[in-house]
């Protein structure tokens, strides 16, 4: 019984650490270049975004999932963000100022 509990605990810890590592890989580092509140978009200059299939650094315009995100940042801010691809283009789903 005790060995089973230890095995389950070890597996749970392994899966938790793996999930955390995968989440960190989805984060993209970049810099805010332009904010267009009226259109709900921002321009980001960023490094490789492997989660989006982008191997090279680039500057792109992204839609934002929630327009309130645009008030959290200003032009020139270094940020980390997550994005997803949709039929209408790429959408930022999470953004925060880099530390």
N, C-alpha and C. Protein backbone atom coordinates (compact mmCIF):
# COMPACT_ATOMS: atom_id res chain seq x y z
N UNK A 1 0.83 -1.20 0.00
CA UNK A 1 0.00 0.00 0.00
C UNK A 1 0.87 1.26 0.00
N UNK A 2 1.87 1.27 0.88
CA UNK A 2 2.75 2.43 0.99
C UNK A 2 3.52 2.66 -0.31
N UNK A 3 3.97 1.59 -0.96
CA UNK A 3 4.70 1.71 -2.23
C UNK A 3 3.79 2.27 -3.33
N UNK A 4 2.53 1.87 -3.32
CA UNK A 4 1.57 2.36 -4.31
C UNK A 4 1.36 3.86 -4.15
N UNK A 5 1.24 4.31 -2.93
CA UNK A 5 1.03 5.75 -2.67
C UNK A 5 2.24 6.54 -3.13
N UNK A 6 3.46 6.03 -2.84
CA UNK A 6 4.67 6.72 -3.28
C UNK A 6 4.75 6.78 -4.80
N UNK A 7 4.38 5.71 -5.46
CA UNK A 7 4.40 5.67 -6.92
C UNK A 7 3.42 6.67 -7.51
N UNK A 8 2.23 6.71 -6.96
CA UNK A 8 1.21 7.65 -7.43
C UNK A 8 1.67 9.09 -7.20
N UNK A 9 2.24 9.35 -6.04
CA UNK A 9 2.73 10.70 -5.74
C UNK A 9 3.85 11.10 -6.70
N UNK A 10 4.75 10.16 -6.99
CA UNK A 10 5.85 10.45 -7.92
C UNK A 10 5.31 10.73 -9.32
N UNK A 11 4.34 9.96 -9.76
CA UNK A 11 3.73 10.18 -11.07
C UNK A 11 3.03 11.53 -11.13
N UNK A 12 2.30 11.87 -10.09
CA UNK A 12 1.59 13.15 -10.05
C UNK A 12 2.59 14.30 -10.12
N UNK A 13 3.68 14.19 -9.39
CA UNK A 13 4.71 15.24 -9.41
C UNK A 13 5.34 15.34 -10.79
N UNK A 14 5.62 14.22 -11.40
CA UNK A 14 6.20 14.20 -12.75
C UNK A 14 5.28 14.88 -13.74
N UNK A 15 3.99 14.53 -13.73
CA UNK A 15 3.05 15.14 -14.66
C UNK A 15 2.89 16.62 -14.39
N UNK A 16 2.91 17.03 -13.14
CA UNK A 16 2.80 18.45 -12.80
C UNK A 16 4.00 19.22 -13.33
N UNK A 17 5.21 18.70 -13.14
CA UNK A 17 6.41 19.37 -13.63
C UNK A 17 6.43 19.42 -15.15
N UNK A 18 6.00 18.35 -15.80
CA UNK A 18 5.95 18.33 -17.25
C UNK A 18 4.96 19.37 -17.76
N UNK A 19 3.81 19.48 -17.14
CA UNK A 19 2.81 20.47 -17.53
C UNK A 19 3.33 21.88 -17.36
N UNK A 20 4.06 22.12 -16.28
CA UNK A 20 4.65 23.43 -16.04
C UNK A 20 5.69 23.75 -17.11
N UNK A 21 6.51 22.79 -17.47
CA UNK A 21 7.52 23.01 -18.50
C UNK A 21 6.88 23.30 -19.84
N UNK A 22 5.81 22.59 -20.16
CA UNK A 22 5.13 22.83 -21.42
C UNK A 22 4.50 24.21 -21.45
N UNK A 23 3.93 24.64 -20.34
CA UNK A 23 3.32 25.97 -20.29
C UNK A 23 4.39 27.04 -20.48
N UNK A 24 5.58 26.83 -19.90
CA UNK A 24 6.65 27.81 -20.05
C UNK A 24 7.10 27.90 -21.50
N UNK A 25 7.06 26.79 -22.22
CA UNK A 25 7.48 26.79 -23.62
C UNK A 25 6.52 27.60 -24.48
N UNK A 26 5.28 27.72 -24.09
CA UNK A 26 4.29 28.45 -24.87
C UNK A 26 4.45 29.96 -24.74
N UNK A 27 5.18 30.41 -23.74
CA UNK A 27 5.37 31.83 -23.51
C UNK A 27 6.35 32.39 -24.55
N UNK A 28 6.02 33.54 -25.09
CA UNK A 28 6.83 34.19 -26.12
C UNK A 28 7.32 35.52 -25.56
N UNK A 29 8.58 35.82 -25.73
CA UNK A 29 9.14 37.10 -25.26
C UNK A 29 9.10 38.10 -26.40
N UNK A 30 8.74 39.34 -26.06
CA UNK A 30 8.68 40.35 -27.10
C UNK A 30 8.66 41.76 -26.55
N UNK A 31 8.42 42.70 -27.46
CA UNK A 31 8.35 44.12 -27.12
C UNK A 31 7.15 44.73 -27.84
N UNK A 32 6.40 45.55 -27.12
CA UNK A 32 5.24 46.23 -27.70
C UNK A 32 5.73 47.36 -28.60
N UNK A 33 5.33 47.34 -29.86
CA UNK A 33 5.74 48.36 -30.81
C UNK A 33 4.62 49.36 -31.12
N UNK A 34 3.37 48.88 -31.08
CA UNK A 34 2.23 49.74 -31.39
C UNK A 34 0.98 49.17 -30.72
N UNK A 35 0.09 50.05 -30.30
CA UNK A 35 -1.20 49.65 -29.71
C UNK A 35 -2.30 50.35 -30.49
N UNK A 36 -3.27 49.58 -30.95
CA UNK A 36 -4.42 50.13 -31.68
C UNK A 36 -5.68 49.72 -30.91
N UNK A 37 -6.06 50.55 -29.93
CA UNK A 37 -7.22 50.22 -29.09
C UNK A 37 -8.50 50.13 -29.89
N UNK A 38 -8.68 51.00 -30.87
CA UNK A 38 -9.92 51.02 -31.67
C UNK A 38 -10.12 49.70 -32.41
N UNK A 39 -9.04 49.12 -32.90
CA UNK A 39 -9.13 47.87 -33.65
C UNK A 39 -8.95 46.64 -32.75
N UNK A 40 -8.54 46.84 -31.50
CA UNK A 40 -8.30 45.71 -30.59
C UNK A 40 -7.08 44.91 -31.00
N UNK A 41 -6.02 45.63 -31.43
CA UNK A 41 -4.81 44.97 -31.91
C UNK A 41 -3.56 45.60 -31.31
N UNK A 42 -2.48 44.82 -31.31
CA UNK A 42 -1.20 45.38 -30.94
C UNK A 42 -0.12 44.76 -31.81
N UNK A 43 0.93 45.52 -32.04
CA UNK A 43 2.06 45.06 -32.83
C UNK A 43 3.16 44.67 -31.86
N UNK A 44 3.65 43.45 -32.03
CA UNK A 44 4.69 42.92 -31.15
C UNK A 44 5.90 42.48 -31.97
N UNK A 45 7.07 42.89 -31.52
CA UNK A 45 8.32 42.40 -32.07
C UNK A 45 8.76 41.29 -31.12
N UNK A 46 8.94 40.07 -31.65
CA UNK A 46 9.23 38.95 -30.75
C UNK A 46 10.20 37.96 -31.34
N UNK A 47 10.72 37.14 -30.46
CA UNK A 47 11.61 36.06 -30.85
C UNK A 47 10.82 34.90 -31.43
N UNK A 48 11.48 33.76 -31.60
CA UNK A 48 10.78 32.58 -32.13
C UNK A 48 9.54 32.24 -31.29
N UNK A 49 8.49 31.86 -31.98
CA UNK A 49 7.23 31.47 -31.33
C UNK A 49 6.91 30.05 -31.79
N UNK A 50 7.61 29.10 -31.21
CA UNK A 50 7.48 27.71 -31.65
C UNK A 50 6.07 27.18 -31.49
N UNK A 51 5.35 27.67 -30.48
CA UNK A 51 3.97 27.21 -30.28
C UNK A 51 3.07 27.63 -31.45
N UNK A 52 3.51 28.63 -32.23
CA UNK A 52 2.75 29.09 -33.39
C UNK A 52 3.40 28.67 -34.70
N UNK A 53 4.47 27.88 -34.61
CA UNK A 53 5.17 27.42 -35.80
C UNK A 53 6.08 28.48 -36.41
N UNK A 54 6.47 29.48 -35.63
CA UNK A 54 7.34 30.56 -36.12
C UNK A 54 8.74 30.34 -35.55
N UNK A 55 9.67 29.99 -36.42
CA UNK A 55 11.03 29.69 -35.98
C UNK A 55 11.93 30.92 -35.92
N UNK A 56 11.57 31.97 -36.65
CA UNK A 56 12.41 33.16 -36.73
C UNK A 56 11.80 34.34 -35.96
N UNK A 57 12.64 35.24 -35.45
CA UNK A 57 12.12 36.47 -34.83
C UNK A 57 11.38 37.30 -35.88
N UNK A 58 10.37 38.04 -35.46
CA UNK A 58 9.61 38.87 -36.40
C UNK A 58 8.78 39.91 -35.66
N UNK A 59 8.20 40.81 -36.41
CA UNK A 59 7.26 41.79 -35.88
C UNK A 59 5.92 41.52 -36.55
N UNK A 60 4.88 41.38 -35.73
CA UNK A 60 3.55 41.04 -36.24
C UNK A 60 2.47 41.80 -35.52
N UNK A 61 1.33 41.94 -36.20
CA UNK A 61 0.14 42.52 -35.59
C UNK A 61 -0.72 41.37 -35.08
N UNK A 62 -1.16 41.47 -33.85
CA UNK A 62 -2.00 40.46 -33.22
C UNK A 62 -3.31 41.08 -32.76
N UNK A 63 -4.38 40.33 -32.84
CA UNK A 63 -5.62 40.69 -32.17
C UNK A 63 -5.44 40.33 -30.71
N UNK A 64 -6.27 40.91 -29.84
CA UNK A 64 -6.24 40.52 -28.43
C UNK A 64 -7.57 39.88 -28.06
N UNK A 65 -7.49 38.87 -27.24
CA UNK A 65 -8.70 38.15 -26.82
C UNK A 65 -9.61 39.06 -26.01
N UNK A 66 -8.99 39.89 -25.16
CA UNK A 66 -9.74 40.80 -24.31
C UNK A 66 -9.16 42.21 -24.48
N UNK A 67 -9.96 43.17 -24.95
CA UNK A 67 -9.45 44.54 -25.15
C UNK A 67 -8.82 45.17 -23.90
N UNK A 68 -9.19 44.69 -22.72
CA UNK A 68 -8.60 45.22 -21.48
C UNK A 68 -7.10 44.95 -21.42
N UNK A 69 -6.63 43.95 -22.15
CA UNK A 69 -5.20 43.64 -22.18
C UNK A 69 -4.39 44.83 -22.70
N UNK A 70 -4.98 45.61 -23.58
CA UNK A 70 -4.27 46.73 -24.19
C UNK A 70 -3.94 47.81 -23.18
N UNK A 71 -4.69 47.88 -22.10
CA UNK A 71 -4.46 48.89 -21.06
C UNK A 71 -3.37 48.45 -20.08
N UNK A 72 -2.96 47.18 -20.14
CA UNK A 72 -1.94 46.66 -19.23
C UNK A 72 -0.52 46.99 -19.69
N UNK A 73 -0.38 47.36 -20.96
CA UNK A 73 0.96 47.59 -21.52
C UNK A 73 1.01 48.91 -22.27
N UNK A 74 2.24 49.36 -22.53
CA UNK A 74 2.42 50.57 -23.35
C UNK A 74 3.55 50.31 -24.34
N UNK A 75 3.62 51.14 -25.36
CA UNK A 75 4.67 51.01 -26.37
C UNK A 75 6.03 51.05 -25.69
N UNK A 76 6.88 50.11 -26.06
CA UNK A 76 8.22 50.02 -25.49
C UNK A 76 8.35 48.98 -24.38
N UNK A 77 7.22 48.53 -23.83
CA UNK A 77 7.27 47.52 -22.76
C UNK A 77 7.80 46.19 -23.28
N UNK A 78 8.66 45.57 -22.49
CA UNK A 78 9.09 44.20 -22.74
C UNK A 78 8.01 43.31 -22.12
N UNK A 79 7.55 42.32 -22.87
CA UNK A 79 6.45 41.48 -22.41
C UNK A 79 6.72 40.01 -22.67
N UNK A 80 5.96 39.18 -21.98
CA UNK A 80 5.84 37.77 -22.34
C UNK A 80 4.37 37.57 -22.64
N UNK A 81 4.09 36.76 -23.66
CA UNK A 81 2.70 36.57 -24.04
C UNK A 81 2.48 35.17 -24.59
N UNK A 82 1.21 34.80 -24.63
CA UNK A 82 0.78 33.56 -25.24
C UNK A 82 -0.21 33.93 -26.33
N UNK A 83 -0.20 33.17 -27.41
CA UNK A 83 -1.09 33.46 -28.52
C UNK A 83 -1.55 32.16 -29.15
N UNK A 84 -2.63 32.26 -29.91
CA UNK A 84 -3.14 31.10 -30.64
C UNK A 84 -3.51 31.52 -32.04
N UNK A 85 -3.49 30.56 -32.94
CA UNK A 85 -3.85 30.83 -34.33
C UNK A 85 -5.33 30.51 -34.53
N UNK A 86 -6.03 31.43 -35.18
CA UNK A 86 -7.45 31.24 -35.50
C UNK A 86 -7.65 31.54 -36.97
N UNK A 87 -8.83 31.31 -37.47
CA UNK A 87 -9.10 31.56 -38.89
C UNK A 87 -8.94 33.05 -39.23
N UNK A 88 -9.16 33.92 -38.26
CA UNK A 88 -9.05 35.36 -38.49
C UNK A 88 -7.63 35.90 -38.28
N UNK A 89 -6.69 35.03 -37.93
CA UNK A 89 -5.31 35.45 -37.68
C UNK A 89 -4.84 34.99 -36.32
N UNK A 90 -3.83 35.64 -35.81
CA UNK A 90 -3.26 35.28 -34.51
C UNK A 90 -3.85 36.17 -33.42
N UNK A 91 -4.14 35.56 -32.27
CA UNK A 91 -4.76 36.27 -31.15
C UNK A 91 -3.94 36.07 -29.89
N UNK A 92 -3.62 37.18 -29.22
CA UNK A 92 -2.95 37.11 -27.92
C UNK A 92 -3.99 36.72 -26.88
N UNK A 93 -3.70 35.66 -26.14
CA UNK A 93 -4.64 35.17 -25.13
C UNK A 93 -4.21 35.57 -23.72
N UNK A 94 -2.92 35.91 -23.57
CA UNK A 94 -2.40 36.30 -22.26
C UNK A 94 -1.16 37.17 -22.49
N UNK A 95 -1.03 38.23 -21.71
CA UNK A 95 0.15 39.09 -21.83
C UNK A 95 0.48 39.67 -20.47
N UNK A 96 1.77 39.82 -20.22
CA UNK A 96 2.20 40.47 -18.99
C UNK A 96 3.57 41.10 -19.22
N UNK A 97 3.84 42.16 -18.46
CA UNK A 97 5.14 42.82 -18.57
C UNK A 97 6.21 41.84 -18.09
N UNK A 98 7.33 41.84 -18.80
CA UNK A 98 8.45 40.98 -18.41
C UNK A 98 9.08 41.51 -17.14
N UNK A 99 9.65 40.62 -16.37
CA UNK A 99 10.28 41.01 -15.11
C UNK A 99 11.77 41.16 -15.28
